[in-house]
Amino acid sequence: MGALASLACLPQRCPPAPEDRELPGAPGIRHLILGDYRVLFRITTWGVLVLHVRHGSRRPATRAELGLAPGSTIPPSGPITGD
């Protein structure tokens, strides 16, 4: 089983991403390192929601890159919503 596919079984093995601390209203963002890339995701009640895939040498993702409008939040157990 590939590392990305295994997220469905063991998503908690991945650490919190820097974006988890830096973006208010976006709790629970984790990342999986795959070679030169980071997969940013959230654990939801129905599985894993992949938010963004980016090269590891790039700066942390912004709200817009994660699909978060200003003032929007990611609910603890659901998909991204806007205000």
Protein backbone atom coordinates (compact mmCIF):
# COMPACT_ATOMS: atom_id res chain seq x y z
CA MET A 1 0.00 0.00 0.00
CA GLY A 2 1.37 3.43 -0.93
CA ALA A 3 1.97 6.11 1.67
CA LEU A 4 -0.81 8.34 0.33
CA ALA A 5 -3.31 5.48 0.15
CA SER A 6 -2.45 4.49 3.73
CA LEU A 7 -3.78 7.84 5.02
CA ALA A 8 -7.22 6.26 5.06
CA CYS A 9 -6.02 3.70 7.63
CA LEU A 10 -3.44 5.61 9.69
CA PRO A 11 -3.81 9.40 9.29
CA GLN A 12 -2.87 10.09 12.93
CA ARG A 13 0.71 8.99 12.23
CA CYS A 14 1.34 12.29 10.43
CA PRO A 15 2.34 15.35 12.48
CA PRO A 16 0.58 18.71 12.55
CA ALA A 17 1.61 20.95 9.65
CA PRO A 18 3.10 24.43 10.22
CA GLU A 19 -0.14 25.80 8.71
CA ASP A 20 -2.03 24.32 11.68
CA ARG A 21 -0.41 26.88 14.00
CA GLU A 22 -0.21 29.78 11.55
CA LEU A 23 -3.79 29.93 10.22
CA PRO A 24 -6.46 30.86 12.79
CA GLY A 25 -9.69 28.96 12.23
CA ALA A 26 -7.96 26.08 10.48
CA PRO A 27 -7.31 23.54 13.27
CA GLY A 28 -6.15 20.01 12.65
CA ILE A 29 -4.14 20.47 9.46
CA ARG A 30 -1.58 17.67 9.19
CA HIS A 31 1.00 16.84 6.57
CA LEU A 32 2.49 13.76 4.97
CA ILE A 33 5.91 14.07 3.38
CA LEU A 34 6.12 12.22 0.05
CA GLY A 35 9.58 12.69 -1.45
CA ASP A 36 9.89 16.40 -2.24
CA TYR A 37 6.19 17.09 -1.61
CA ARG A 38 3.92 17.73 1.37
CA VAL A 39 0.30 16.55 1.35
CA LEU A 40 -1.78 18.84 3.59
CA PHE A 41 -4.91 17.17 4.95
CA ARG A 42 -7.52 17.06 7.72
CA ILE A 43 -8.98 14.05 9.48
CA THR A 44 -12.79 14.20 9.27
CA THR A 45 -15.58 12.01 10.59
CA TRP A 46 -15.80 10.20 7.24
CA GLY A 47 -12.08 9.91 6.42
CA VAL A 48 -9.31 12.16 5.21
CA LEU A 49 -9.81 15.44 3.34
CA VAL A 50 -6.75 16.39 1.24
CA LEU A 51 -6.52 20.18 1.17
CA HIS A 52 -3.40 20.81 -0.90
CA VAL A 53 -0.24 19.20 -2.30
CA ARG A 54 2.82 21.42 -2.55
CA HIS A 55 6.57 21.17 -3.05
CA GLY A 56 8.40 20.96 0.26
CA SER A 57 10.73 23.85 -0.56
CA ARG A 58 7.81 26.30 -0.83
CA ARG A 59 6.67 28.52 2.01
CA PRO A 60 3.69 27.34 4.13
CA ALA A 61 0.33 27.41 2.35
CA THR A 62 -1.92 30.46 2.64
CA ARG A 63 -5.64 30.49 3.45
CA ALA A 64 -6.42 30.99 -0.24
CA GLU A 65 -4.24 28.05 -1.32
CA LEU A 66 -6.11 25.83 1.12
CA GLY A 67 -9.46 27.03 -0.18
CA LEU A 68 -10.23 29.10 2.90
CA ALA A 69 -11.82 32.48 2.31
CA PRO A 70 -10.95 35.25 4.80
CA GLY A 71 -12.93 34.59 7.96
CA SER A 72 -13.90 31.04 6.99
CA THR A 73 -13.16 28.03 9.14
CA ILE A 74 -12.68 24.30 8.82
CA PRO A 75 -15.15 22.65 11.20
CA PRO A 76 -13.58 19.98 13.42
CA SER A 77 -15.61 17.18 11.85
CA GLY A 78 -16.55 18.35 8.39
CA PRO A 79 -15.47 19.90 5.11
CA ILE A 80 -14.40 23.45 4.44
CA THR A 81 -17.14 26.04 4.77
CA GLY A 82 -17.27 29.78 4.11
CA ASP A 83 -18.93 32.48 6.17
